[in-house]
């Protein structure tokens, strides 16, 4: 019996015998998930495909996928993985994310406007973005907005309110409040060293090196809090341990001028060496 070949069936037969072509993503979410998959090595793909992941992330971002927009913004803001820093592109993608109500994007837009990165410097517009995020409880925005408001006589009280809210999460906000109450604002806010010390204490315990340094000085002097040299030394070590140059220099000075300085010389020399390394690194930048 003569066998008849159905030519129209050949494509089907060949595709059935070979590897099935992968289905490409169609929706923004599928595009983003596919991009993430390309970043993860597997048996089929021993090495990650960053170029492919970047392209699919861009496509997802262009179609409005929020996380893709944030990823693109962050990548252009920080650079890396073969991508050059591009503040203009970063600003564009943060702006797109902010339009979707993302508060982190609002914070970064404020930072870029304040610094003039990729856009003309505009402090007032930066504050507008921070105010949006601050209204939604974002501590970083509350801190940055509060710090600027507190510098203007007409908005000091409002600035203090925002800083107090931010201080629950941002150590530097507590330190800023310590500075405000320590100096006072003529005709608006009275000096209050005790209150300042309380805020410095909060900032220090939350890990801010500047607050640790200031609190250490208060503990050395005994004003406005009781004198406590061992705790003051501990605070200096905590701040110096964060490579804070002023604290490192102060610690070296204290150790070398202590009554039992010989016992501390090895430690003082180590801190001085580290201080020089940090200063050298900062100068190189």
C-alpha atoms as a PDB file:
ATOM      1  CA  UNK A   1       0.000   0.000   0.000  1.00  0.00           C
ATOM      2  CA  UNK A   2       1.369   3.352  -1.016  1.00  0.00           C
ATOM      3  CA  UNK A   3       1.818   5.743   1.886  1.00  0.00           C
ATOM      4  CA  UNK A   4       0.568   9.282   1.473  1.00  0.00           C
ATOM      5  CA  UNK A   5       2.308  12.216   3.181  1.00  0.00           C
ATOM      6  CA  UNK A   6       0.108  15.080   4.330  1.00  0.00           C
ATOM      7  CA  UNK A   7       2.382  18.048   3.740  1.00  0.00           C
ATOM      8  CA  UNK A   8       0.227  20.362   5.788  1.00  0.00           C
ATOM      9  CA  UNK A   9       0.895  18.262   8.866  1.00  0.00           C
ATOM     10  CA  UNK A  10       4.697  18.545   8.640  1.00  0.00           C
ATOM     11  CA  UNK A  11       5.063  21.822  10.628  1.00  0.00           C
ATOM     12  CA  UNK A  12       3.078  20.289  13.436  1.00  0.00           C
ATOM     13  CA  UNK A  13       5.163  17.128  13.397  1.00  0.00           C
ATOM     14  CA  UNK A  14       8.428  19.042  13.420  1.00  0.00           C
ATOM     15  CA  UNK A  15       7.325  21.322  16.254  1.00  0.00           C
ATOM     16  CA  UNK A  16       6.180  18.350  18.259  1.00  0.00           C
ATOM     17  CA  UNK A  17       9.540  16.662  17.884  1.00  0.00           C
ATOM     18  CA  UNK A  18      11.620  19.721  18.676  1.00  0.00           C
ATOM     19  CA  UNK A  19      11.732  22.030  21.685  1.00  0.00           C
ATOM     20  CA  UNK A  20       8.615  24.063  22.148  1.00  0.00           C
ATOM     21  CA  UNK A  21       9.244  27.769  21.612  1.00  0.00           C
ATOM     22  CA  UNK A  22       8.792  29.670  24.892  1.00  0.00           C
ATOM     23  CA  UNK A  23       5.803  31.918  25.109  1.00  0.00           C
ATOM     24  CA  UNK A  24       6.828  35.533  25.440  1.00  0.00           C
ATOM     25  CA  UNK A  25       5.171  37.649  28.142  1.00  0.00           C
ATOM     26  CA  UNK A  26       2.370  39.931  27.057  1.00  0.00           C
ATOM     27  CA  UNK A  27       1.096  41.826  30.109  1.00  0.00           C
ATOM     28  CA  UNK A  28       3.234  44.271  32.140  1.00  0.00           C
ATOM     29  CA  UNK A  29       3.163  41.919  35.110  1.00  0.00           C
ATOM     30  CA  UNK A  30       4.280  38.967  32.975  1.00  0.00           C
ATOM     31  CA  UNK A  31       7.059  41.110  31.494  1.00  0.00           C
ATOM     32  CA  UNK A  32       8.335  42.057  34.925  1.00  0.00           C
ATOM     33  CA  UNK A  33       8.143  38.488  36.229  1.00  0.00           C
ATOM     34  CA  UNK A  34       9.997  37.274  33.144  1.00  0.00           C
ATOM     35  CA  UNK A  35      12.699  39.873  33.754  1.00  0.00           C
ATOM     36  CA  UNK A  36      13.115  38.618  37.317  1.00  0.00           C
ATOM     37  CA  UNK A  37      13.364  35.058  36.022  1.00  0.00           C
ATOM     38  CA  UNK A  38      16.179  36.065  33.662  1.00  0.00           C
ATOM     39  CA  UNK A  39      18.161  37.301  36.661  1.00  0.00           C
ATOM     40  CA  UNK A  40      18.031  33.889  38.338  1.00  0.00           C
ATOM     41  CA  UNK A  41      20.425  31.208  37.006  1.00  0.00           C
ATOM     42  CA  UNK A  42      18.855  27.804  36.438  1.00  0.00           C
ATOM     43  CA  UNK A  43      19.582  24.440  34.814  1.00  0.00           C
ATOM     44  CA  UNK A  44      18.388  25.821  31.479  1.00  0.00           C
ATOM     45  CA  UNK A  45      20.258  29.108  31.954  1.00  0.00           C
ATOM     46  CA  UNK A  46      23.484  28.698  33.998  1.00  0.00           C
ATOM     47  CA  UNK A  47      24.161  32.446  34.023  1.00  0.00           C
ATOM     48  CA  UNK A  48      21.792  35.329  34.607  1.00  0.00           C
ATOM     49  CA  UNK A  49      20.827  37.470  31.620  1.00  0.00           C
ATOM     50  CA  UNK A  50      21.026  41.012  32.943  1.00  0.00           C
ATOM     51  CA  UNK A  51      20.729  42.651  29.532  1.00  0.00           C
ATOM     52  CA  UNK A  52      17.562  40.719  28.788  1.00  0.00           C
ATOM     53  CA  UNK A  53      16.189  41.414  32.252  1.00  0.00           C
ATOM     54  CA  UNK A  54      16.830  45.127  31.810  1.00  0.00           C
ATOM     55  CA  UNK A  55      15.017  45.170  28.466  1.00  0.00           C
ATOM     56  CA  UNK A  56      11.930  43.374  29.817  1.00  0.00           C
ATOM     57  CA  UNK A  57      11.909  45.539  32.936  1.00  0.00           C
ATOM     58  CA  UNK A  58      11.973  48.615  30.708  1.00  0.00           C
ATOM     59  CA  UNK A  59       9.060  47.262  28.644  1.00  0.00           C
ATOM     60  CA  UNK A  60       7.057  46.593  31.806  1.00  0.00           C
ATOM     61  CA  UNK A  61       7.862  50.078  33.106  1.00  0.00           C
ATOM     62  CA  UNK A  62       6.761  51.663  29.841  1.00  0.00           C
ATOM     63  CA  UNK A  63       3.442  49.879  30.182  1.00  0.00           C
ATOM     64  CA  UNK A  64       2.952  51.230  33.683  1.00  0.00           C
ATOM     65  CA  UNK A  65       4.133  48.428  35.984  1.00  0.00           C
ATOM     66  CA  UNK A  66       5.020  50.302  39.179  1.00  0.00           C
ATOM     67  CA  UNK A  67       7.790  48.077  40.511  1.00  0.00           C
ATOM     68  CA  UNK A  68       9.450  48.069  37.109  1.00  0.00           C
ATOM     69  CA  UNK A  69       9.397  51.870  37.091  1.00  0.00           C
ATOM     70  CA  UNK A  70      10.993  51.949  40.537  1.00  0.00           C
ATOM     71  CA  UNK A  71      13.625  49.430  39.458  1.00  0.00           C
ATOM     72  CA  UNK A  72      14.499  51.479  36.383  1.00  0.00           C
ATOM     73  CA  UNK A  73      14.674  54.650  38.467  1.00  0.00           C
ATOM     74  CA  UNK A  74      16.895  53.040  41.074  1.00  0.00           C
ATOM     75  CA  UNK A  75      19.189  51.539  38.480  1.00  0.00           C
ATOM     76  CA  UNK A  76      19.761  54.849  36.709  1.00  0.00           C
ATOM     77  CA  UNK A  77      20.073  56.680  40.039  1.00  0.00           C
ATOM     78  CA  UNK A  78      22.772  54.407  41.473  1.00  0.00           C
ATOM     79  CA  UNK A  79      24.313  52.914  38.335  1.00  0.00           C
ATOM     80  CA  UNK A  80      25.989  49.527  38.246  1.00  0.00           C
ATOM     81  CA  UNK A  81      25.801  46.242  36.330  1.00  0.00           C
ATOM     82  CA  UNK A  82      27.045  48.002  33.219  1.00  0.00           C
ATOM     83  CA  UNK A  83      24.458  50.773  33.442  1.00  0.00           C
ATOM     84  CA  UNK A  84      25.798  54.302  33.748  1.00  0.00           C
ATOM     85  CA  UNK A  85      24.273  56.732  36.220  1.00  0.00           C
ATOM     86  CA  UNK A  86      21.734  58.903  34.467  1.00  0.00           C
ATOM     87  CA  UNK A  87      19.923  61.292  36.805  1.00  0.00           C
ATOM     88  CA  UNK A  88      17.608  62.564  34.070  1.00  0.00           C
ATOM     89  CA  UNK A  89      16.352  59.070  33.321  1.00  0.00           C
ATOM     90  CA  UNK A  90      16.160  58.304  37.040  1.00  0.00           C
ATOM     91  CA  UNK A  91      14.087  61.425  37.608  1.00  0.00           C
ATOM     92  CA  UNK A  92      11.761  60.487  34.750  1.00  0.00           C
ATOM     93  CA  UNK A  93      11.045  57.026  36.146  1.00  0.00           C
ATOM     94  CA  UNK A  94      10.635  58.266  39.725  1.00  0.00           C
ATOM     95  CA  UNK A  95       8.179  60.804  38.345  1.00  0.00           C
ATOM     96  CA  UNK A  96       6.191  58.075  36.608  1.00  0.00           C
ATOM     97  CA  UNK A  97       6.078  56.045  39.816  1.00  0.00           C
ATOM     98  CA  UNK A  98       5.033  59.094  41.833  1.00  0.00           C
ATOM     99  CA  UNK A  99       2.110  59.629  39.469  1.00  0.00           C
ATOM    100  CA  UNK A 100       0.864  56.234  40.609  1.00  0.00           C
ATOM    101  CA  UNK A 101       0.966  57.369  44.228  1.00  0.00           C
ATOM    102  CA  UNK A 102       4.266  55.810  45.273  1.00  0.00           C
ATOM    103  CA  UNK A 103       5.640  57.621  48.324  1.00  0.00           C
ATOM    104  CA  UNK A 104       9.214  56.353  47.963  1.00  0.00           C
ATOM    105  CA  UNK A 105       9.314  57.971  44.534  1.00  0.00           C
ATOM    106  CA  UNK A 106       8.101  61.232  46.075  1.00  0.00           C
ATOM    107  CA  UNK A 107      11.012  61.129  48.527  1.00  0.00           C
ATOM    108  CA  UNK A 108      13.566  60.584  45.757  1.00  0.00           C
ATOM    109  CA  UNK A 109      12.067  63.316  43.596  1.00  0.00           C
ATOM    110  CA  UNK A 110      12.513  65.646  46.561  1.00  0.00           C
ATOM    111  CA  UNK A 111      16.114  64.550  47.021  1.00  0.00           C
ATOM    112  CA  UNK A 112      16.931  65.087  43.355  1.00  0.00           C
ATOM    113  CA  UNK A 113      15.248  68.487  43.224  1.00  0.00           C
ATOM    114  CA  UNK A 114      16.991  69.562  46.423  1.00  0.00           C
ATOM    115  CA  UNK A 115      20.400  68.506  45.074  1.00  0.00           C
ATOM    116  CA  UNK A 116      19.777  69.532  41.471  1.00  0.00           C
ATOM    117  CA  UNK A 117      20.428  66.014  40.182  1.00  0.00           C
ATOM    118  CA  UNK A 118      19.122  65.572  36.641  1.00  0.00           C
ATOM    119  CA  UNK A 119      16.879  68.573  37.089  1.00  0.00           C
ATOM    120  CA  UNK A 120      17.224  72.226  38.050  1.00  0.00           C
ATOM    121  CA  UNK A 121      17.603  72.713  41.803  1.00  0.00           C
ATOM    122  CA  UNK A 122      14.270  73.720  43.329  1.00  0.00           C
ATOM    123  CA  UNK A 123      14.006  73.553  47.129  1.00  0.00           C
ATOM    124  CA  UNK A 124      10.354  74.589  47.243  1.00  0.00           C
ATOM    125  CA  UNK A 125       9.344  71.898  44.782  1.00  0.00           C
ATOM    126  CA  UNK A 126      11.427  69.377  46.718  1.00  0.00           C
ATOM    127  CA  UNK A 127       9.489  70.289  49.840  1.00  0.00           C
ATOM    128  CA  UNK A 128       6.214  69.794  47.974  1.00  0.00           C
ATOM    129  CA  UNK A 129       7.169  66.222  47.138  1.00  0.00           C
ATOM    130  CA  UNK A 130       8.304  65.554  50.706  1.00  0.00           C
ATOM    131  CA  UNK A 131       5.083  67.019  52.039  1.00  0.00           C
ATOM    132  CA  UNK A 132       3.058  64.538  49.966  1.00  0.00           C
ATOM    133  CA  UNK A 133       5.031  61.588  51.337  1.00  0.00           C
ATOM    134  CA  UNK A 134       5.093  63.043  54.859  1.00  0.00           C
ATOM    135  CA  UNK A 135       1.295  63.263  54.850  1.00  0.00           C
ATOM    136  CA  UNK A 136       1.272  59.497  54.273  1.00  0.00           C
ATOM    137  CA  UNK A 137       3.520  58.877  57.261  1.00  0.00           C
ATOM    138  CA  UNK A 138       6.863  58.405  55.491  1.00  0.00           C
ATOM    139  CA  UNK A 139       9.433  59.189  58.189  1.00  0.00           C
ATOM    140  CA  UNK A 140      12.260  60.087  55.809  1.00  0.00           C
ATOM    141  CA  UNK A 141      10.043  62.711  54.159  1.00  0.00           C
ATOM    142  CA  UNK A 142       8.902  64.020  57.545  1.00  0.00           C
ATOM    143  CA  UNK A 143      12.531  64.398  58.600  1.00  0.00           C
ATOM    144  CA  UNK A 144      13.695  66.215  55.480  1.00  0.00           C
ATOM    145  CA  UNK A 145      10.647  68.473  55.355  1.00  0.00           C
ATOM    146  CA  UNK A 146      10.783  69.163  59.087  1.00  0.00           C
ATOM    147  CA  UNK A 147      14.462  70.053  59.024  1.00  0.00           C
ATOM    148  CA  UNK A 148      13.922  72.670  56.307  1.00  0.00           C
ATOM    149  CA  UNK A 149      10.792  74.101  57.905  1.00  0.00           C
ATOM    150  CA  UNK A 150      12.595  74.430  61.241  1.00  0.00           C
ATOM    151  CA  UNK A 151      15.211  76.648  59.604  1.00  0.00           C
ATOM    152  CA  UNK A 152      12.646  79.330  58.785  1.00  0.00           C
ATOM    153  CA  UNK A 153      11.327  81.508  61.660  1.00  0.00           C
ATOM    154  CA  UNK A 154       7.767  81.381  60.371  1.00  0.00           C
ATOM    155  CA  UNK A 155       7.621  77.589  60.182  1.00  0.00           C
ATOM    156  CA  UNK A 156       9.775  76.475  63.124  1.00  0.00           C
ATOM    157  CA  UNK A 157       6.862  75.007  65.089  1.00  0.00           C
ATOM    158  CA  UNK A 158       5.584  73.081  62.072  1.00  0.00           C
ATOM    159  CA  UNK A 159       9.093  71.797  61.480  1.00  0.00           C
ATOM    160  CA  UNK A 160       9.333  70.570  65.072  1.00  0.00           C
ATOM    161  CA  UNK A 161       6.049  68.672  64.658  1.00  0.00           C
ATOM    162  CA  UNK A 162       7.323  66.858  61.573  1.00  0.00           C
ATOM    163  CA  UNK A 163      10.667  66.101  63.211  1.00  0.00           C
ATOM    164  CA  UNK A 164       8.965  64.653  66.278  1.00  0.00           C
ATOM    165  CA  UNK A 165       6.976  62.314  64.033  1.00  0.00           C
ATOM    166  CA  UNK A 166      10.081  61.348  62.062  1.00  0.00           C
ATOM    167  CA  UNK A 167      12.144  60.722  65.201  1.00  0.00           C
ATOM    168  CA  UNK A 168      10.244  57.470  65.781  1.00  0.00           C
ATOM    169  CA  UNK A 169      12.131  55.964  62.836  1.00  0.00           C
ATOM    170  CA  UNK A 170      14.896  58.380  61.786  1.00  0.00           C
ATOM    171  CA  UNK A 171      17.673  58.889  64.378  1.00  0.00           C
ATOM    172  CA  UNK A 172      18.861  62.099  62.703  1.00  0.00           C
ATOM    173  CA  UNK A 173      15.461  63.667  63.361  1.00  0.00           C
ATOM    174  CA  UNK A 174      15.984  63.270  67.098  1.00  0.00           C
ATOM    175  CA  UNK A 175      19.423  64.858  66.754  1.00  0.00           C
ATOM    176  CA  UNK A 176      17.933  67.764  64.788  1.00  0.00           C
ATOM    177  CA  UNK A 177      15.443  68.324  67.593  1.00  0.00           C
ATOM    178  CA  UNK A 178      18.296  68.277  70.094  1.00  0.00           C
ATOM    179  CA  UNK A 179      20.030  71.021  68.105  1.00  0.00           C
ATOM    180  CA  UNK A 180      16.859  73.109  67.915  1.00  0.00           C
ATOM    181  CA  UNK A 181      16.114  72.973  71.638  1.00  0.00           C
ATOM    182  CA  UNK A 182      19.765  73.414  72.615  1.00  0.00           C
ATOM    183  CA  UNK A 183      20.080  76.658  70.634  1.00  0.00           C
ATOM    184  CA  UNK A 184      16.469  77.836  70.768  1.00  0.00           C
ATOM    185  CA  UNK A 185      14.918  80.248  68.279  1.00  0.00           C
ATOM    186  CA  UNK A 186      14.711  83.846  69.428  1.00  0.00           C
ATOM    187  CA  UNK A 187      11.146  84.943  70.066  1.00  0.00           C
ATOM    188  CA  UNK A 188       9.745  81.580  68.962  1.00  0.00           C
ATOM    189  CA  UNK A 189      11.289  78.704  70.863  1.00  0.00           C
ATOM    190  CA  UNK A 190      13.076  79.003  74.198  1.00  0.00           C
ATOM    191  CA  UNK A 191      16.381  77.268  74.844  1.00  0.00           C
ATOM    192  CA  UNK A 192      15.858  74.045  76.768  1.00  0.00           C
ATOM    193  CA  UNK A 193      19.077  72.161  77.455  1.00  0.00           C
ATOM    194  CA  UNK A 194      17.316  69.394  79.379  1.00  0.00           C
ATOM    195  CA  UNK A 195      14.936  68.724  76.492  1.00  0.00           C
ATOM    196  CA  UNK A 196      17.849  68.905  74.073  1.00  0.00           C
ATOM    197  CA  UNK A 197      19.697  66.260  76.090  1.00  0.00           C
ATOM    198  CA  UNK A 198      16.645  63.990  75.971  1.00  0.00           C
ATOM    199  CA  UNK A 199      16.538  64.218  72.178  1.00  0.00           C
ATOM    200  CA  UNK A 200      20.287  63.675  71.870  1.00  0.00           C
ATOM    201  CA  UNK A 201      19.879  60.608  74.065  1.00  0.00           C
ATOM    202  CA  UNK A 202      17.197  59.240  71.746  1.00  0.00           C
ATOM    203  CA  UNK A 203      19.300  59.958  68.691  1.00  0.00           C
ATOM    204  CA  UNK A 204      22.368  58.396  70.239  1.00  0.00           C
ATOM    205  CA  UNK A 205      20.607  55.218  71.315  1.00  0.00           C
ATOM    206  CA  UNK A 206      19.087  54.927  67.843  1.00  0.00           C
ATOM    207  CA  UNK A 207      22.592  55.020  66.383  1.00  0.00           C
ATOM    208  CA  UNK A 208      23.204  58.547  65.097  1.00  0.00           C
ATOM    209  CA  UNK A 209      26.944  59.273  65.486  1.00  0.00           C
ATOM    210  CA  UNK A 210      26.487  63.032  65.799  1.00  0.00           C
ATOM    211  CA  UNK A 211      24.064  62.560  68.687  1.00  0.00           C
ATOM    212  CA  UNK A 212      26.511  60.121  70.288  1.00  0.00           C
ATOM    213  CA  UNK A 213      29.305  62.683  70.006  1.00  0.00           C
ATOM    214  CA  UNK A 214      27.226  65.526  71.469  1.00  0.00           C
ATOM    215  CA  UNK A 215      25.915  63.334  74.276  1.00  0.00           C
ATOM    216  CA  UNK A 216      29.474  62.258  75.064  1.00  0.00           C
ATOM    217  CA  UNK A 217      30.522  65.896  75.474  1.00  0.00           C
ATOM    218  CA  UNK A 218      27.570  66.528  77.788  1.00  0.00           C
ATOM    219  CA  UNK A 219      28.554  63.501  79.854  1.00  0.00           C
ATOM    220  CA  UNK A 220      32.169  64.656  80.081  1.00  0.00           C
ATOM    221  CA  UNK A 221      31.156  68.154  81.212  1.00  0.00           C
ATOM    222  CA  UNK A 222      28.245  67.128  83.425  1.00  0.00           C
ATOM    223  CA  UNK A 223      25.815  69.664  81.943  1.00  0.00           C
ATOM    224  CA  UNK A 224      22.863  69.484  81.636  1.00  0.00           C
ATOM    225  CA  UNK A 225      23.080  65.805  82.625  1.00  0.00           C
ATOM    226  CA  UNK A 226      25.161  64.187  85.384  1.00  0.00           C
ATOM    227  CA  UNK A 227      28.854  63.681  84.643  1.00  0.00           C
ATOM    228  CA  UNK A 228      29.648  60.126  83.558  1.00  0.00           C
ATOM    229  CA  UNK A 229      33.074  59.674  81.943  1.00  0.00           C
ATOM    230  CA  UNK A 230      32.857  55.891  81.352  1.00  0.00           C
ATOM    231  CA  UNK A 231      29.553  56.331  79.496  1.00  0.00           C
ATOM    232  CA  UNK A 232      30.943  59.334  77.626  1.00  0.00           C
ATOM    233  CA  UNK A 233      33.853  57.209  76.459  1.00  0.00           C
ATOM    234  CA  UNK A 234      31.456  54.458  75.415  1.00  0.00           C
ATOM    235  CA  UNK A 235      29.461  56.964  73.349  1.00  0.00           C
ATOM    236  CA  UNK A 236      32.619  58.184  71.635  1.00  0.00           C
ATOM    237  CA  UNK A 237      33.584  54.617  70.773  1.00  0.00           C
ATOM    238  CA  UNK A 238      30.120  53.974  69.347  1.00  0.00           C
ATOM    239  CA  UNK A 239      30.345  57.052  67.119  1.00  0.00           C
ATOM    240  CA  UNK A 240      33.942  56.346  66.114  1.00  0.00           C
ATOM    241  CA  UNK A 241      32.939  52.802  65.243  1.00  0.00           C
ATOM    242  CA  UNK A 242      30.745  54.300  62.510  1.00  0.00           C
ATOM    243  CA  UNK A 243      33.796  56.017  60.982  1.00  0.00           C
ATOM    244  CA  UNK A 244      32.618  59.430  62.141  1.00  0.00           C
ATOM    245  CA  UNK A 245      35.796  61.545  61.847  1.00  0.00           C
ATOM    246  CA  UNK A 246      34.957  64.122  64.537  1.00  0.00           C
ATOM    247  CA  UNK A 247      34.273  61.367  67.056  1.00  0.00           C
ATOM    248  CA  UNK A 248      37.408  59.453  66.085  1.00  0.00           C
ATOM    249  CA  UNK A 249      39.566  62.542  66.525  1.00  0.00           C
ATOM    250  CA  UNK A 250      37.943  63.361  69.851  1.00  0.00           C
ATOM    251  CA  UNK A 251      38.368  59.798  71.070  1.00  0.00           C
ATOM    252  CA  UNK A 252      42.078  59.790  70.215  1.00  0.00           C
ATOM    253  CA  UNK A 253      42.469  63.071  72.090  1.00  0.00           C
ATOM    254  CA  UNK A 254      40.631  61.790  75.169  1.00  0.00           C
ATOM    255  CA  UNK A 255      42.574  58.526  75.282  1.00  0.00           C
ATOM    256  CA  UNK A 256      45.957  60.220  74.964  1.00  0.00           C
ATOM    257  CA  UNK A 257      45.153  62.808  77.603  1.00  0.00           C
ATOM    258  CA  UNK A 258      43.726  60.375  80.136  1.00  0.00           C
ATOM    259  CA  UNK A 259      45.553  59.964  83.486  1.00  0.00           C
ATOM    260  CA  UNK A 260      46.394  56.390  82.477  1.00  0.00           C
ATOM    261  CA  UNK A 261      47.130  57.265  78.838  1.00  0.00           C
ATOM    262  CA  UNK A 262      49.808  54.575  78.520  1.00  0.00           C
ATOM    263  CA  UNK A 263      47.146  51.902  78.922  1.00  0.00           C
ATOM    264  CA  UNK A 264      45.170  53.369  76.046  1.00  0.00           C
ATOM    265  CA  UNK A 265      48.041  54.104  73.625  1.00  0.00           C
ATOM    266  CA  UNK A 266      47.515  50.997  71.503  1.00  0.00           C
ATOM    267  CA  UNK A 267      43.820  51.766  71.134  1.00  0.00           C
ATOM    268  CA  UNK A 268      44.512  55.445  70.436  1.00  0.00           C
ATOM    269  CA  UNK A 269      47.027  54.545  67.721  1.00  0.00           C
ATOM    270  CA  UNK A 270      44.535  52.173  66.099  1.00  0.00           C
ATOM    271  CA  UNK A 271      41.817  54.835  66.045  1.00  0.00           C
ATOM    272  CA  UNK A 272      44.239  57.428  64.666  1.00  0.00           C
ATOM    273  CA  UNK A 273      45.260  55.065  61.878  1.00  0.00           C
ATOM    274  CA  UNK A 274      41.641  54.368  61.026  1.00  0.00           C
ATOM    275  CA  UNK A 275      40.882  58.099  61.070  1.00  0.00           C
ATOM    276  CA  UNK A 276      43.595  58.757  58.494  1.00  0.00           C
ATOM    277  CA  UNK A 277      42.202  55.971  56.299  1.00  0.00           C
ATOM    278  CA  UNK A 278      38.688  57.432  56.466  1.00  0.00           C
ATOM    279  CA  UNK A 279      39.903  60.944  55.695  1.00  0.00           C
ATOM    280  CA  UNK A 280      41.909  59.624  52.764  1.00  0.00           C
ATOM    281  CA  UNK A 281      38.839  57.816  51.400  1.00  0.00           C
ATOM    282  CA  UNK A 282      36.698  60.928  51.742  1.00  0.00           C
ATOM    283  CA  UNK A 283      39.306  63.028  49.956  1.00  0.00           C
ATOM    284  CA  UNK A 284      39.475  60.494  47.111  1.00  0.00           C
ATOM    285  CA  UNK A 285      35.742  60.854  46.541  1.00  0.00           C
END
